């Protein structure tokens, strides 16, 4: 399966509007190659690093490669999206091996805490749980996902909110490929009809 990322910005409703707007407006994907080469020389604030967490067994060479990738992602954010301003978050990475699942995939989560802005920035590879809402239909697991609010910077964009917190999430994939299959309305209704038939037969069996 192609590597994909979910990038989620969570912040207090009264504090985070400018934080999320800065993140969306400064699009590193539109930066020229020459600018990217110069990014390492930008005098941006250093982000404090916490100890990483590793869950499960991960091959040493693979773990080294992922650490290089996560450091590159953080440095790109630090020297592009957050180069202007006094952003000094604390960040760490959680590496997880899901070898007990069918996909046997390795995923990582970059967690950046912005205490001054009362915000969190999370980048997750190979995990869409933040966007999914599971339920069962005809004894089959089904996952629903809210329609994307828009496309921003070439990525599907989603919004969510609680009483105190608002989240903004971008789903970043390779090209136009999506890490999920969409079922049609007909397929959904057929499964719903089959479930109702099963329930009906169960009730009739009790009445006999």
Protein backbone atom coordinates (compact mmCIF):
# COMPACT_ATOMS: atom_id res chain seq x y z
CA UNK A 1 0.00 0.00 0.00
CA UNK A 2 1.18 3.51 -0.81
CA UNK A 3 2.36 5.61 2.09
CA UNK A 4 -0.11 8.26 3.16
CA UNK A 5 -0.31 10.82 5.93
CA UNK A 6 -2.99 12.49 8.02
CA UNK A 7 -2.00 15.87 9.35
CA UNK A 8 -4.17 17.19 12.17
CA UNK A 9 -4.04 20.59 13.85
CA UNK A 10 -5.98 20.77 17.13
CA UNK A 11 -6.40 23.99 19.04
CA UNK A 12 -8.64 25.87 21.46
CA UNK A 13 -11.45 27.69 19.66
CA UNK A 14 -10.42 31.03 21.15
CA UNK A 15 -6.72 30.62 20.45
CA UNK A 16 -6.10 28.67 17.27
CA UNK A 17 -7.52 30.51 14.25
CA UNK A 18 -4.28 32.25 13.31
CA UNK A 19 -2.27 29.07 14.00
CA UNK A 20 -4.30 26.99 11.54
CA UNK A 21 -4.47 29.78 8.96
CA UNK A 22 -0.67 30.09 9.02
CA UNK A 23 -0.33 26.32 8.56
CA UNK A 24 -2.73 26.25 5.59
CA UNK A 25 -1.42 29.40 3.94
CA UNK A 26 2.26 28.42 3.98
CA UNK A 27 2.26 25.45 1.63
CA UNK A 28 5.68 23.71 1.48
CA UNK A 29 4.55 21.74 -1.59
CA UNK A 30 4.57 25.00 -3.58
CA UNK A 31 8.12 25.83 -2.52
CA UNK A 32 10.68 25.72 -5.31
CA UNK A 33 13.55 23.22 -5.24
CA UNK A 34 16.05 26.02 -4.72
CA UNK A 35 14.08 27.25 -1.72
CA UNK A 36 14.02 23.76 -0.25
CA UNK A 37 17.78 23.50 -0.58
CA UNK A 38 18.11 26.79 1.29
CA UNK A 39 15.65 25.74 4.00
CA UNK A 40 18.37 24.26 6.21
CA UNK A 41 20.05 27.67 6.33
CA UNK A 42 16.96 29.60 7.47
CA UNK A 43 17.43 31.04 10.95
CA UNK A 44 14.29 29.43 12.42
CA UNK A 45 13.81 28.70 16.14
CA UNK A 46 14.98 25.28 17.29
CA UNK A 47 12.21 22.88 18.33
CA UNK A 48 12.84 21.02 21.58
CA UNK A 49 12.93 17.24 21.19
CA UNK A 50 11.49 14.74 23.67
CA UNK A 51 12.35 11.05 23.83
CA UNK A 52 10.80 8.96 21.05
CA UNK A 53 8.64 5.92 21.77
CA UNK A 54 8.91 2.56 19.97
CA UNK A 55 6.13 -0.05 20.32
CA UNK A 56 6.65 -3.55 18.94
CA UNK A 57 9.64 -4.94 17.06
CA UNK A 58 10.85 -2.80 14.15
CA UNK A 59 13.85 -3.70 12.01
CA UNK A 60 16.79 -1.47 12.90
CA UNK A 61 17.42 -0.30 9.32
CA UNK A 62 13.72 0.46 8.83
CA UNK A 63 13.59 2.37 12.12
CA UNK A 64 16.67 4.37 11.12
CA UNK A 65 15.02 5.26 7.80
CA UNK A 66 11.83 6.37 9.52
CA UNK A 67 13.77 8.51 11.99
CA UNK A 68 15.48 10.21 9.07
CA UNK A 69 12.10 10.80 7.41
CA UNK A 70 10.47 12.23 10.54
CA UNK A 71 13.39 14.54 11.22
CA UNK A 72 13.21 15.77 7.61
CA UNK A 73 9.46 16.44 7.93
CA UNK A 74 9.90 18.39 11.16
CA UNK A 75 12.79 20.43 9.75
CA UNK A 76 10.71 21.23 6.66
CA UNK A 77 7.83 22.46 8.82
CA UNK A 78 10.19 24.39 11.08
CA UNK A 79 11.91 26.18 8.21
CA UNK A 80 8.84 26.80 6.02
CA UNK A 81 5.35 26.83 7.57
CA UNK A 82 6.61 28.01 10.96
CA UNK A 83 9.74 29.93 9.95
CA UNK A 84 8.06 33.26 10.63
CA UNK A 85 6.86 33.75 14.18
CA UNK A 86 7.91 32.60 17.63
CA UNK A 87 6.83 28.98 17.38
CA UNK A 88 8.84 26.81 19.78
CA UNK A 89 6.97 23.52 20.20
CA UNK A 90 8.11 20.36 21.95
CA UNK A 91 7.96 17.30 19.72
CA UNK A 92 8.52 13.55 19.72
CA UNK A 93 7.72 10.57 17.50
CA UNK A 94 5.87 7.35 18.29
CA UNK A 95 6.86 4.39 16.08
CA UNK A 96 4.47 1.41 16.09
CA UNK A 97 4.70 -2.02 14.48
CA UNK A 98 1.26 -3.49 13.73
CA UNK A 99 2.50 -7.00 12.93
CA UNK A 100 -0.55 -8.59 14.52
CA UNK A 101 -2.86 -7.00 11.96
CA UNK A 102 -3.48 -8.27 8.43
CA UNK A 103 -1.57 -5.42 6.79
CA UNK A 104 1.49 -5.80 9.05
CA UNK A 105 2.27 -2.15 8.50
CA UNK A 106 4.63 0.11 10.38
CA UNK A 107 3.34 3.54 11.26
CA UNK A 108 4.63 6.58 13.03
CA UNK A 109 3.09 9.61 14.70
CA UNK A 110 4.85 12.96 14.95
CA UNK A 111 3.37 14.89 17.88
CA UNK A 112 4.17 18.60 18.20
CA UNK A 113 2.90 20.48 21.24
CA UNK A 114 2.65 24.28 20.91
CA UNK A 115 2.06 25.41 24.54
CA UNK A 116 2.15 29.14 23.77
CA UNK A 117 -0.54 28.75 21.09
CA UNK A 118 -2.42 26.07 23.11
CA UNK A 119 -2.35 23.88 20.03
CA UNK A 120 -1.22 20.46 18.84
CA UNK A 121 0.05 19.42 15.43
CA UNK A 122 -0.01 15.68 14.69
CA UNK A 123 1.30 13.95 11.57
CA UNK A 124 0.41 10.26 11.25
CA UNK A 125 1.68 7.84 8.59
CA UNK A 126 -0.44 4.84 7.53
CA UNK A 127 -3.29 5.48 9.98
CA UNK A 128 -6.69 7.06 9.25
CA UNK A 129 -8.35 6.43 12.62
CA UNK A 130 -8.67 10.16 13.25
CA UNK A 131 -11.04 10.41 10.28
CA UNK A 132 -12.99 7.15 10.62
CA UNK A 133 -16.17 6.30 12.50
CA UNK A 134 -16.73 2.49 12.63
CA UNK A 135 -20.03 0.64 12.94
CA UNK A 136 -21.41 -2.79 12.04
CA UNK A 137 -23.82 -3.46 9.18
CA UNK A 138 -25.10 -7.00 8.61
CA UNK A 139 -22.30 -8.25 10.90
CA UNK A 140 -19.73 -6.60 8.64
CA UNK A 141 -17.42 -3.80 9.84
CA UNK A 142 -18.13 -0.56 8.01
CA UNK A 143 -16.19 2.67 8.35
CA UNK A 144 -17.74 6.04 7.63
CA UNK A 145 -15.91 9.26 6.98
CA UNK A 146 -17.29 12.76 6.77
CA UNK A 147 -17.06 14.25 3.27
CA UNK A 148 -14.04 16.48 2.81
CA UNK A 149 -14.92 20.12 3.38
CA UNK A 150 -12.62 21.21 0.57
CA UNK A 151 -9.28 20.56 -1.07
CA UNK A 152 -6.47 22.68 0.31
CA UNK A 153 -2.97 22.66 -1.12
CA UNK A 154 -3.83 19.54 -3.10
CA UNK A 155 -5.01 17.56 -0.05
CA UNK A 156 -8.48 16.61 1.18
CA UNK A 157 -9.40 18.88 4.10
CA UNK A 158 -11.68 18.03 7.04
CA UNK A 159 -12.94 19.98 10.04
CA UNK A 160 -14.23 18.84 13.41
CA UNK A 161 -15.05 20.46 16.74
CA UNK A 162 -16.05 19.85 20.33
CA UNK A 163 -17.19 22.40 22.89
CA UNK A 164 -13.62 23.51 23.59
CA UNK A 165 -11.50 22.18 20.77
CA UNK A 166 -11.45 22.51 17.00
CA UNK A 167 -9.52 20.22 14.67
CA UNK A 168 -8.44 20.64 11.07
CA UNK A 169 -7.14 17.62 9.22
CA UNK A 170 -5.46 17.18 5.84
CA UNK A 171 -5.21 13.75 4.14
CA UNK A 172 -2.01 13.68 2.09
CA UNK A 173 -1.65 10.85 -0.44
CA UNK A 174 0.50 9.89 -3.41
CA UNK A 175 -0.92 11.44 -6.56
CA UNK A 176 -4.67 10.92 -6.82
CA UNK A 177 -4.65 7.52 -5.10
CA UNK A 178 -6.76 7.25 -1.94
CA UNK A 179 -6.09 4.71 0.88
CA UNK A 180 -9.69 3.52 0.93
CA UNK A 181 -12.45 2.13 -1.30
CA UNK A 182 -15.83 3.83 -1.44
CA UNK A 183 -18.92 1.60 -1.41
CA UNK A 184 -21.88 2.66 -3.54
CA UNK A 185 -25.30 3.54 -2.16
CA UNK A 186 -26.63 0.36 -3.78
CA UNK A 187 -24.07 -1.81 -1.95
CA UNK A 188 -24.89 -0.13 1.35
CA UNK A 189 -28.66 -0.58 0.90
CA UNK A 190 -28.23 -4.22 -0.10
CA UNK A 191 -26.33 -4.89 3.14
CA UNK A 192 -28.91 -2.92 5.16
CA UNK A 193 -31.72 -4.94 3.56
CA UNK A 194 -29.92 -8.20 4.35
CA UNK A 195 -29.52 -7.13 7.99
CA UNK A 196 -33.24 -6.27 8.27
CA UNK A 197 -34.11 -9.65 6.76
CA UNK A 198 -31.94 -11.41 9.37
CA UNK A 199 -33.58 -9.44 12.20
CA UNK A 200 -37.04 -10.25 10.79
CA UNK A 201 -36.28 -13.97 10.57
CA UNK A 202 -35.02 -13.95 14.13
CA UNK A 203 -38.23 -12.33 15.42
CA UNK A 204 -40.41 -14.79 13.48
CA UNK A 205 -38.43 -17.72 14.85
CA UNK A 206 -39.13 -16.53 18.41
CA UNK A 207 -42.87 -16.25 17.70
CA UNK A 208 -43.17 -19.76 16.31
